[in-house]
């Protein structure tokens, strides 16, 4: 008996009728029983058909189908359950054909075991893409019309609740919005001070989180609080009640404009330990602190964004932390004799990569030949009418060409990288370069850019713990946790 996988999908939980999950499974089971297929597994998911990339069950099913020799068929109720993009359907067609697998769409009367089934497959895939575009166009048109009439199109907004697409004021939250605007305008408070004060009062955001400078900024720039609805980049007068008077709003925007000037950074460059240093109090990451040209610190990120109610600053001197960590890393490398091993591994990787890329170049040429054939086929379809007098649009042809060009550019970049690797492999100084980096790591560190310093530390180190202390001098590096244990490094490198 022929064995098959089934794939079923709905776009939303509200989808009912003949496209419900239950109905799809029922029809597929009846089809299998009537035509002698053994249904091995059913892959089910809920989600948009905008792209295959966002559907993990579909991807898993395709991989499972290709990897097994037991199952040859993939069955769906309709093509639009699997694809809504013509380019993706053609990609899957090729994958199935390469691996001697077959596709069946019950309602579209598509069975790729039969000759000339590809034309029907392409036409129905194209129709599925156009149907989705029409649905999307109608949905956007409806939302745009609602917005122009002043209706809210959904989402969470602090200060309001949405009831049947209408915004209603929540008095408790509205008072917080007023507090933010008044403190900003009349008391000249900054984003951080406002956020810190709200956190001190244990007031949470709409998502029950601490206030941050970003959250305050979004409140102050949102026209919804003066009675407007935003659709795309346009604003229209809404039907909801405004929370902020126009005069207060205007003053806030004038003040924001004055404060929008950003002075030149007095501490250029990156802080390479940002994100791996951990606050000794709350455990969150430490980042570039509000420092001067002379004194530079790492600071608790939670304190920096949400104020002292969330955590203390727990400043750590930048110069001390980076010098200490660098010395630790140098000592760590010195206990290992890595030069011979690194040379062996790099050469081995270059050889294996070279073979892999050469094979990929051959596959690419074959793939490009197939693309040219498909393109010629589509161009012929462009001028050939079907039984209903319809032709495939130029938009579809353009989409296909664009995707092909993107793939060409990707592979050209890979081929350029291949030539670079060949040159590197032939370089007689490779062993000397490795020796220099390993034996003179500290010198190498100071030669590379700030961005590379950060990348280097983050690749070596998982996180760095700091001792608690009431002053900056008392806070020291407590322990460095590497991305791998020292005793396992050689095994990892040679794996």
Protein backbone atom coordinates (compact mmCIF):
# COMPACT_ATOMS: atom_id res chain seq x y z
CA UNK A 1 0.00 0.00 0.00
CA UNK A 2 1.23 3.52 -0.87
CA UNK A 3 2.15 5.58 2.19
CA UNK A 4 1.45 9.30 2.64
CA UNK A 5 1.78 12.31 4.93
CA UNK A 6 -1.09 14.78 5.21
CA UNK A 7 -0.82 18.51 5.88
CA UNK A 8 -3.72 20.58 7.21
CA UNK A 9 -3.79 24.25 8.14
CA UNK A 10 -6.16 27.07 9.09
CA UNK A 11 -5.25 30.75 9.13
CA UNK A 12 -7.06 31.65 12.37
CA UNK A 13 -8.90 29.96 15.22
CA UNK A 14 -12.12 31.48 13.86
CA UNK A 15 -11.91 29.63 10.55
CA UNK A 16 -14.79 27.19 10.29
CA UNK A 17 -16.78 25.36 7.63
CA UNK A 18 -15.23 23.22 4.93
CA UNK A 19 -11.69 24.49 5.63
CA UNK A 20 -11.65 23.64 9.35
CA UNK A 21 -8.91 21.30 10.57
CA UNK A 22 -11.47 18.58 11.34
CA UNK A 23 -13.03 18.76 7.89
CA UNK A 24 -9.66 18.72 6.11
CA UNK A 25 -8.60 15.60 8.02
CA UNK A 26 -11.95 13.90 7.36
CA UNK A 27 -11.82 14.50 3.58
CA UNK A 28 -8.16 13.40 3.34
CA UNK A 29 -8.90 10.19 5.27
CA UNK A 30 -11.83 9.40 2.95
CA UNK A 31 -9.61 10.02 -0.09
CA UNK A 32 -6.88 7.74 1.26
CA UNK A 33 -9.35 4.95 1.99
CA UNK A 34 -10.89 5.23 -1.48
CA UNK A 35 -7.59 5.34 -3.38
CA UNK A 36 -5.47 2.89 -1.40
CA UNK A 37 -3.15 5.21 0.58
CA UNK A 38 -1.95 4.49 4.11
CA UNK A 39 -1.94 7.74 6.09
CA UNK A 40 1.26 7.58 8.18
CA UNK A 41 1.12 11.01 9.86
CA UNK A 42 -0.91 14.22 9.86
CA UNK A 43 0.92 17.55 10.25
CA UNK A 44 -1.37 20.27 11.53
CA UNK A 45 -0.87 23.95 12.31
CA UNK A 46 -2.60 27.28 12.62
CA UNK A 47 -1.00 30.27 10.95
CA UNK A 48 -0.90 32.56 7.97
CA UNK A 49 0.19 31.25 4.57
CA UNK A 50 2.14 34.44 3.92
CA UNK A 51 5.36 32.42 3.84
CA UNK A 52 6.57 28.86 4.39
CA UNK A 53 9.27 30.26 6.69
CA UNK A 54 6.73 31.03 9.42
CA UNK A 55 5.26 27.51 9.47
CA UNK A 56 7.50 25.09 11.41
CA UNK A 57 5.19 22.08 11.01
CA UNK A 58 5.20 22.41 7.23
CA UNK A 59 9.01 22.65 7.15
CA UNK A 60 9.28 19.64 9.49
CA UNK A 61 6.93 17.63 7.29
CA UNK A 62 8.92 18.39 4.10
CA UNK A 63 12.17 17.41 5.83
CA UNK A 64 10.60 14.23 7.21
CA UNK A 65 9.25 13.34 3.78
CA UNK A 66 12.63 13.83 2.10
CA UNK A 67 14.51 11.95 4.84
CA UNK A 68 12.35 8.82 4.81
CA UNK A 69 12.26 6.06 2.21
CA UNK A 70 8.97 4.71 3.57
CA UNK A 71 6.67 7.58 2.55
CA UNK A 72 6.35 8.89 -1.01
CA UNK A 73 3.25 11.09 -1.02
CA UNK A 74 2.16 14.44 0.46
CA UNK A 75 -1.60 15.03 0.49
CA UNK A 76 -3.46 18.31 1.11
CA UNK A 77 -7.10 19.31 0.75
CA UNK A 78 -6.28 22.36 -1.42
CA UNK A 79 -3.06 23.88 -2.71
CA UNK A 80 -3.76 27.09 -0.78
CA UNK A 81 -3.46 25.09 2.47
CA UNK A 82 0.22 24.51 1.58
CA UNK A 83 1.19 27.50 -0.60
CA UNK A 84 0.16 31.08 -1.19
CA UNK A 85 3.31 32.04 -3.09
CA UNK A 86 4.02 30.73 -6.56
CA UNK A 87 7.80 30.90 -6.07
CA UNK A 88 7.57 28.73 -2.92
CA UNK A 89 5.36 26.15 -4.61
CA UNK A 90 7.90 25.81 -7.43
CA UNK A 91 10.71 25.43 -4.91
CA UNK A 92 8.85 22.59 -3.13
CA UNK A 93 7.99 21.01 -6.50
CA UNK A 94 11.71 20.80 -7.29
CA UNK A 95 12.54 19.39 -3.84
CA UNK A 96 9.89 16.67 -4.16
CA UNK A 97 10.88 15.84 -7.74
CA UNK A 98 14.58 15.58 -6.82
CA UNK A 99 13.72 13.05 -4.10
CA UNK A 100 11.12 11.03 -6.05
CA UNK A 101 8.22 12.26 -3.93
CA UNK A 102 4.71 13.15 -5.09
CA UNK A 103 2.17 15.85 -4.28
CA UNK A 104 -1.61 15.42 -4.23
CA UNK A 105 -4.20 18.21 -3.85
CA UNK A 106 -7.65 16.68 -3.63
CA UNK A 107 -9.90 19.66 -4.48
CA UNK A 108 -7.52 20.92 -7.21
CA UNK A 109 -7.34 17.50 -8.88
CA UNK A 110 -3.52 17.57 -8.80
CA UNK A 111 -1.51 14.34 -8.60
CA UNK A 112 2.11 14.72 -9.69
CA UNK A 113 2.48 11.01 -10.43
CA UNK A 114 0.60 11.70 -13.68
CA UNK A 115 2.18 13.28 -16.77
CA UNK A 116 1.38 16.94 -17.54
CA UNK A 117 0.33 17.57 -13.92
CA UNK A 118 2.83 20.42 -13.57
CA UNK A 119 0.73 22.87 -15.63
CA UNK A 120 -2.27 22.30 -13.36
CA UNK A 121 -0.04 22.59 -10.28
CA UNK A 122 1.45 25.90 -11.49
CA UNK A 123 -1.92 27.37 -12.46
CA UNK A 124 -3.54 26.53 -9.11
CA UNK A 125 -0.49 27.78 -7.18
CA UNK A 126 -0.65 31.04 -9.14
CA UNK A 127 -4.38 31.30 -8.42
CA UNK A 128 -3.78 30.70 -4.69
CA UNK A 129 -1.26 33.58 -4.63
CA UNK A 130 -3.70 35.92 -6.38
CA UNK A 131 -6.52 34.92 -4.01
CA UNK A 132 -4.34 35.79 -1.03
CA UNK A 133 -3.42 39.14 -2.57
CA UNK A 134 -7.12 39.92 -3.08
CA UNK A 135 -7.96 38.95 0.51
CA UNK A 136 -5.10 41.10 1.82
CA UNK A 137 -6.11 44.00 -0.41
CA UNK A 138 -9.73 43.81 0.76
CA UNK A 139 -8.66 43.53 4.43
CA UNK A 140 -6.35 46.55 4.17
CA UNK A 141 -9.02 48.49 2.29
CA UNK A 142 -11.53 47.72 5.04
CA UNK A 143 -9.11 48.75 7.79
CA UNK A 144 -8.20 51.92 5.91
CA UNK A 145 -11.88 52.83 5.53
CA UNK A 146 -12.49 52.25 9.25
CA UNK A 147 -9.49 54.42 10.11
CA UNK A 148 -10.71 57.29 7.90
CA UNK A 149 -14.05 57.09 9.71
CA UNK A 150 -12.25 57.35 13.06
CA UNK A 151 -12.48 53.72 14.20
CA UNK A 152 -9.61 52.00 16.01
CA UNK A 153 -8.03 49.06 14.15
CA UNK A 154 -6.84 47.12 17.19
CA UNK A 155 -3.88 46.75 19.52
CA UNK A 156 -3.05 47.75 23.11
CA UNK A 157 -2.90 51.43 24.04
CA UNK A 158 -2.13 52.61 27.56
CA UNK A 159 -5.01 54.74 28.86
CA UNK A 160 -7.68 53.00 26.79
CA UNK A 161 -9.46 49.70 26.32
CA UNK A 162 -10.79 48.52 22.98
CA UNK A 163 -14.46 47.47 22.94
CA UNK A 164 -15.79 46.41 19.52
CA UNK A 165 -13.02 48.42 17.83
CA UNK A 166 -13.96 51.50 19.85
CA UNK A 167 -11.58 53.06 22.38
CA UNK A 168 -12.84 53.73 25.89
CA UNK A 169 -10.88 55.68 28.48
CA UNK A 170 -9.61 53.81 31.55
CA UNK A 171 -9.61 56.56 34.23
CA UNK A 172 -6.75 55.11 36.31
CA UNK A 173 -4.46 54.81 33.28
CA UNK A 174 -5.56 58.18 31.89
CA UNK A 175 -4.38 59.84 35.11
CA UNK A 176 -0.93 58.26 34.58
CA UNK A 177 -0.80 59.61 31.00
CA UNK A 178 -1.65 63.08 32.34
CA UNK A 179 1.05 62.70 35.00
CA UNK A 180 3.64 61.87 32.32
CA UNK A 181 2.77 64.88 30.16
CA UNK A 182 2.58 67.35 33.06
CA UNK A 183 5.85 66.25 34.64
CA UNK A 184 7.59 66.43 31.27
CA UNK A 185 6.20 69.87 30.37
CA UNK A 186 5.75 71.76 33.64
CA UNK A 187 8.41 70.18 35.88
CA UNK A 188 10.94 69.57 33.08
CA UNK A 189 11.41 65.92 34.07
CA UNK A 190 13.28 63.67 31.65
CA UNK A 191 12.17 60.25 30.40
CA UNK A 192 14.25 58.39 32.96
CA UNK A 193 13.05 60.42 35.95
CA UNK A 194 9.40 59.91 34.97
CA UNK A 195 9.93 56.17 34.47
CA UNK A 196 11.74 55.90 37.80
CA UNK A 197 8.95 57.71 39.64
CA UNK A 198 6.24 55.47 38.16
CA UNK A 199 8.26 52.39 39.10
CA UNK A 200 8.68 53.72 42.65
CA UNK A 201 4.90 53.97 42.85
CA UNK A 202 4.63 50.35 41.64
CA UNK A 203 2.65 51.44 38.56
CA UNK A 204 3.08 49.02 35.65
CA UNK A 205 2.78 49.38 31.88
CA UNK A 206 -0.04 47.85 29.84
CA UNK A 207 1.98 44.65 29.66
CA UNK A 208 2.54 44.61 33.45
CA UNK A 209 6.22 45.53 33.11
CA UNK A 210 8.42 48.27 34.57
CA UNK A 211 8.41 51.63 32.82
CA UNK A 212 11.43 52.43 30.64
CA UNK A 213 12.62 55.57 28.87
CA UNK A 214 11.36 54.08 25.58
CA UNK A 215 7.86 53.53 27.01
CA UNK A 216 7.70 57.15 28.25
CA UNK A 217 8.86 58.47 24.87
CA UNK A 218 6.15 56.48 23.06
CA UNK A 219 3.46 57.94 25.34
CA UNK A 220 4.65 61.49 24.70
CA UNK A 221 4.68 61.11 20.90
CA UNK A 222 1.39 59.22 20.46
CA UNK A 223 -1.31 61.43 18.88
CA UNK A 224 -4.00 59.03 20.02
CA UNK A 225 -4.04 60.96 23.33
CA UNK A 226 -5.32 64.09 21.56
CA UNK A 227 -8.05 62.21 19.70
CA UNK A 228 -6.35 60.98 16.50
CA UNK A 229 -6.17 57.54 14.90
CA UNK A 230 -3.08 56.48 12.97
CA UNK A 231 -3.28 54.38 9.84
CA UNK A 232 0.08 53.73 8.20
CA UNK A 233 1.72 57.18 8.35
CA UNK A 234 -1.47 59.25 8.21
CA UNK A 235 -3.56 60.57 11.09
CA UNK A 236 -7.31 61.06 11.07
CA UNK A 237 -9.63 62.38 13.75
CA UNK A 238 -10.88 59.50 15.85
CA UNK A 239 -14.22 58.85 17.52
CA UNK A 240 -12.65 58.31 20.95
CA UNK A 241 -12.29 60.75 23.83
CA UNK A 242 -8.97 62.59 24.07
CA UNK A 243 -6.98 62.29 27.31
CA UNK A 244 -4.57 65.21 26.78
CA UNK A 245 -5.68 68.76 25.85
CA UNK A 246 -4.23 70.18 22.64
CA UNK A 247 -2.35 72.97 24.46
CA UNK A 248 -0.47 70.52 26.71
CA UNK A 249 0.31 68.29 23.72
CA UNK A 250 1.74 71.21 21.72
CA UNK A 251 3.99 72.24 24.61
CA UNK A 252 5.25 68.67 24.99
CA UNK A 253 6.11 68.42 21.28
CA UNK A 254 7.86 71.79 21.33
CA UNK A 255 9.94 70.65 24.30
CA UNK A 256 10.72 67.29 22.66
CA UNK A 257 11.95 69.13 19.56
CA UNK A 258 14.29 71.29 21.66
CA UNK A 259 15.64 68.23 23.46
CA UNK A 260 16.07 66.20 20.28
CA UNK A 261 19.53 67.68 19.66
CA UNK A 262 22.11 65.00 20.45
CA UNK A 263 25.52 66.24 21.58
CA UNK A 264 28.62 64.54 20.25
CA UNK A 265 29.50 61.43 22.23
CA UNK A 266 32.21 62.13 24.78
CA UNK A 267 33.07 58.46 25.05
CA UNK A 268 33.32 57.14 21.45
CA UNK A 269 33.75 53.46 20.65
CA UNK A 270 32.11 50.40 22.07
CA UNK A 271 32.11 48.95 25.54
CA UNK A 272 33.28 45.40 24.73
CA UNK A 273 31.99 43.85 27.97
CA UNK A 274 28.44 45.22 27.52
CA UNK A 275 25.96 42.38 27.70
CA UNK A 276 28.25 39.85 29.40
CA UNK A 277 28.94 41.72 32.63
CA UNK A 278 26.15 40.89 35.09
CA UNK A 279 24.76 43.25 37.70
CA UNK A 280 25.64 41.93 41.20
CA UNK A 281 22.24 43.04 42.51
CA UNK A 282 19.57 42.07 39.96
CA UNK A 283 21.51 39.86 37.54
CA UNK A 284 20.62 41.86 34.42
CA UNK A 285 23.30 42.84 31.93
CA UNK A 286 25.55 45.85 32.43
CA UNK A 287 26.00 48.40 29.65
CA UNK A 288 27.77 51.67 28.90
CA UNK A 289 27.15 54.00 31.83
CA UNK A 290 26.38 57.70 31.86
CA UNK A 291 30.07 58.57 32.05
CA UNK A 292 32.29 61.57 31.44
CA UNK A 293 35.39 61.82 29.26
CA UNK A 294 37.57 61.18 32.31
CA UNK A 295 35.51 58.64 34.23
CA UNK A 296 33.91 55.75 32.36
CA UNK A 297 31.79 53.01 33.89
CA UNK A 298 29.65 50.00 33.17
CA UNK A 299 26.16 50.45 34.63
CA UNK A 300 23.21 48.15 35.37
CA UNK A 301 20.95 48.28 32.30
CA UNK A 302 17.78 48.02 34.39
CA UNK A 303 18.85 51.05 36.41
CA UNK A 304 19.79 52.98 33.26
CA UNK A 305 16.44 52.40 31.56
CA UNK A 306 14.01 52.25 34.51
CA UNK A 307 15.68 54.14 37.36
CA UNK A 308 16.65 53.36 40.94
CA UNK A 309 13.27 51.75 41.72
CA UNK A 310 14.22 48.87 39.42
CA UNK A 311 17.85 48.53 40.60
CA UNK A 312 20.91 50.52 41.72
CA UNK A 313 23.48 51.69 39.17
CA UNK A 314 26.21 49.37 40.60
CA UNK A 315 28.90 51.15 38.59
CA UNK A 316 32.05 49.23 37.62
CA UNK A 317 35.11 51.06 36.30
CA UNK A 318 35.50 50.45 32.57
CA UNK A 319 39.31 50.50 32.50
CA UNK A 320 39.62 48.11 35.47
CA UNK A 321 37.04 45.62 34.16
CA UNK A 322 38.44 45.39 30.63
CA UNK A 323 42.08 45.15 31.76
CA UNK A 324 41.25 42.46 34.34
CA UNK A 325 39.22 40.38 31.88
CA UNK A 326 41.90 40.67 29.17
CA UNK A 327 44.58 39.45 31.62
CA UNK A 328 42.36 36.52 32.61
CA UNK A 329 41.80 35.55 28.97
CA UNK A 330 45.54 35.80 28.20
CA UNK A 331 46.34 33.55 31.21
CA UNK A 332 43.66 31.15 30.08
CA UNK A 333 45.19 30.86 26.59
CA UNK A 334 48.75 30.51 27.91
CA UNK A 335 47.95 27.30 29.76
CA UNK A 336 47.03 25.64 26.46
CA UNK A 337 49.41 24.80 23.61
CA UNK A 338 46.94 25.65 20.87
CA UNK A 339 49.15 26.70 17.94
CA UNK A 340 49.72 23.24 16.32
CA UNK A 341 46.13 22.19 16.89
CA UNK A 342 44.68 25.45 15.51
CA UNK A 343 46.87 25.17 12.41
CA UNK A 344 45.72 21.60 11.80
CA UNK A 345 42.05 22.47 12.31
CA UNK A 346 42.10 25.61 10.13
CA UNK A 347 43.81 23.79 7.25
CA UNK A 348 41.39 20.88 7.61
CA UNK A 349 38.39 23.25 7.61
CA UNK A 350 39.74 25.09 4.58
CA UNK A 351 40.08 21.81 2.70
CA UNK A 352 36.61 20.59 3.63
CA UNK A 353 35.08 23.98 2.88
CA UNK A 354 36.85 24.09 -0.47
CA UNK A 355 35.39 20.77 -1.52
CA UNK A 356 31.97 21.81 -0.26
CA UNK A 357 32.01 25.11 -2.16
CA UNK A 358 33.24 23.50 -5.37
CA UNK A 359 30.38 21.04 -5.17
CA UNK A 360 28.02 23.91 -4.46
CA UNK A 361 29.26 25.74 -7.56
CA UNK A 362 28.35 22.70 -9.68
CA UNK A 363 24.95 22.48 -8.06
CA UNK A 364 24.47 26.22 -8.62
CA UNK A 365 25.13 25.93 -12.36
CA UNK A 366 22.63 23.10 -12.62
CA UNK A 367 20.12 25.12 -10.61
CA UNK A 368 20.61 28.20 -12.81
CA UNK A 369 20.04 26.09 -15.93
CA UNK A 370 16.77 24.87 -14.44
CA UNK A 371 15.76 28.43 -13.59
CA UNK A 372 16.38 29.51 -17.19
CA UNK A 373 14.18 26.67 -18.44
CA UNK A 374 11.41 27.64 -16.01
CA UNK A 375 11.74 31.27 -17.03
CA UNK A 376 11.33 30.38 -20.69
CA UNK A 377 8.31 28.31 -19.75
CA UNK A 378 6.74 31.22 -17.89
CA UNK A 379 7.47 33.63 -20.72
CA UNK A 380 5.65 31.31 -23.07
CA UNK A 381 2.72 31.17 -20.66
CA UNK A 382 2.67 34.97 -20.59
CA UNK A 383 1.63 35.04 -24.25
CA UNK A 384 -0.43 31.85 -24.23
CA UNK A 385 -4.06 32.10 -23.21
CA UNK A 386 -5.72 29.24 -21.33
CA UNK A 387 -9.24 27.97 -21.97
CA UNK A 388 -10.72 30.96 -20.11
CA UNK A 389 -8.69 33.46 -22.15
CA UNK A 390 -6.42 34.35 -19.21
CA UNK A 391 -2.67 34.83 -19.12
CA UNK A 392 -0.21 34.85 -16.23
CA UNK A 393 0.49 38.45 -15.25
CA UNK A 394 3.77 40.29 -15.65
CA UNK A 395 3.83 40.76 -11.84
CA UNK A 396 4.31 37.03 -11.38
CA UNK A 397 7.09 36.89 -13.98
CA UNK A 398 8.81 39.87 -12.32
CA UNK A 399 8.60 38.17 -8.93
CA UNK A 400 10.19 35.02 -10.34
CA UNK A 401 13.04 36.97 -11.97
CA UNK A 402 13.67 38.97 -8.78
CA UNK A 403 13.98 35.81 -6.68
CA UNK A 404 16.35 34.28 -9.23
CA UNK A 405 18.57 37.37 -9.24
CA UNK A 406 18.74 37.34 -5.44
CA UNK A 407 19.88 33.72 -5.52
CA UNK A 408 22.50 34.51 -8.18
CA UNK A 409 23.98 37.30 -6.07
CA UNK A 410 24.15 35.04 -3.03
CA UNK A 411 26.05 32.36 -4.90
CA UNK A 412 28.39 34.88 -6.53
CA UNK A 413 29.32 36.11 -3.05
CA UNK A 414 29.97 32.51 -1.96
CA UNK A 415 32.22 31.95 -4.98
CA UNK A 416 34.19 35.10 -4.13
CA UNK A 417 34.62 33.78 -0.61
CA UNK A 418 35.80 30.48 -2.10
CA UNK A 419 38.64 32.23 -3.97
CA UNK A 420 39.65 34.02 -0.78
CA UNK A 421 39.79 30.71 1.10
CA UNK A 422 41.88 29.12 -1.64
CA UNK A 423 44.40 31.96 -1.35
CA UNK A 424 44.40 31.60 2.42
CA UNK A 425 45.04 27.87 2.15
CA UNK A 426 48.02 28.46 -0.11
CA UNK A 427 49.47 31.15 2.17
CA UNK A 428 52.82 30.14 3.58
CA UNK A 429 52.47 32.54 6.54
CA UNK A 430 49.36 30.88 8.01
CA UNK A 431 51.34 29.04 10.69
CA UNK A 432 53.23 32.23 11.62
CA UNK A 433 49.98 34.18 11.90
CA UNK A 434 48.51 31.62 14.28
CA UNK A 435 51.67 31.61 16.39
CA UNK A 436 51.56 35.40 16.63
CA UNK A 437 47.90 35.55 17.70
CA UNK A 438 48.23 32.80 20.32
CA UNK A 439 51.56 33.94 21.79
CA UNK A 440 50.91 37.67 21.54
CA UNK A 441 47.19 37.76 22.26
CA UNK A 442 47.34 41.00 24.24
CA UNK A 443 49.18 42.81 21.41
CA UNK A 444 46.71 41.37 18.91
CA UNK A 445 43.81 42.64 21.07
CA UNK A 446 45.02 46.24 20.94
CA UNK A 447 45.51 46.07 17.16
CA UNK A 448 41.91 45.17 16.34
CA UNK A 449 38.90 47.53 16.15
CA UNK A 450 36.51 48.27 19.03
CA UNK A 451 33.79 46.22 17.31
CA UNK A 452 36.15 43.24 16.94
CA UNK A 453 37.19 43.53 20.61
CA UNK A 454 33.55 43.16 21.61
CA UNK A 455 33.02 40.26 19.21
CA UNK A 456 36.14 38.54 20.54
CA UNK A 457 35.06 38.76 24.19
CA UNK A 458 31.51 37.66 23.43
CA UNK A 459 32.73 34.59 21.52
CA UNK A 460 35.03 33.57 24.38
CA UNK A 461 32.95 34.54 27.41
CA UNK A 462 29.41 33.59 28.40
CA UNK A 463 29.07 35.98 31.36
CA UNK A 464 31.10 37.78 34.03
CA UNK A 465 29.99 38.03 37.66
CA UNK A 466 30.78 41.04 39.86
CA UNK A 467 31.15 41.12 43.65
CA UNK A 468 28.61 43.19 45.55
CA UNK A 469 29.80 46.45 47.07
CA UNK A 470 28.49 49.78 48.31
CA UNK A 471 31.16 51.72 46.36
CA UNK A 472 32.78 51.44 42.94
CA UNK A 473 36.13 50.44 44.47
CA UNK A 474 34.51 47.49 46.25
CA UNK A 475 33.03 46.02 43.08
CA UNK A 476 35.49 43.60 41.48
CA UNK A 477 35.44 40.82 38.89
CA UNK A 478 34.30 37.74 40.80
CA UNK A 479 34.28 35.00 38.16
CA UNK A 480 34.44 34.60 34.39
CA UNK A 481 32.24 31.94 32.82
CA UNK A 482 33.55 30.89 29.40
CA UNK A 483 31.45 29.66 26.50
CA UNK A 484 33.21 26.33 27.09
CA UNK A 485 35.11 24.72 29.94
CA UNK A 486 38.93 24.98 29.59
CA UNK A 487 39.45 21.23 29.92
CA UNK A 488 36.97 20.62 27.08
CA UNK A 489 38.35 23.24 24.70
CA UNK A 490 40.70 20.92 22.80
CA UNK A 491 37.95 18.34 22.33
CA UNK A 492 35.60 21.06 21.03
CA UNK A 493 38.18 22.44 18.61
CA UNK A 494 39.09 19.05 17.23
CA UNK A 495 35.51 17.76 17.02
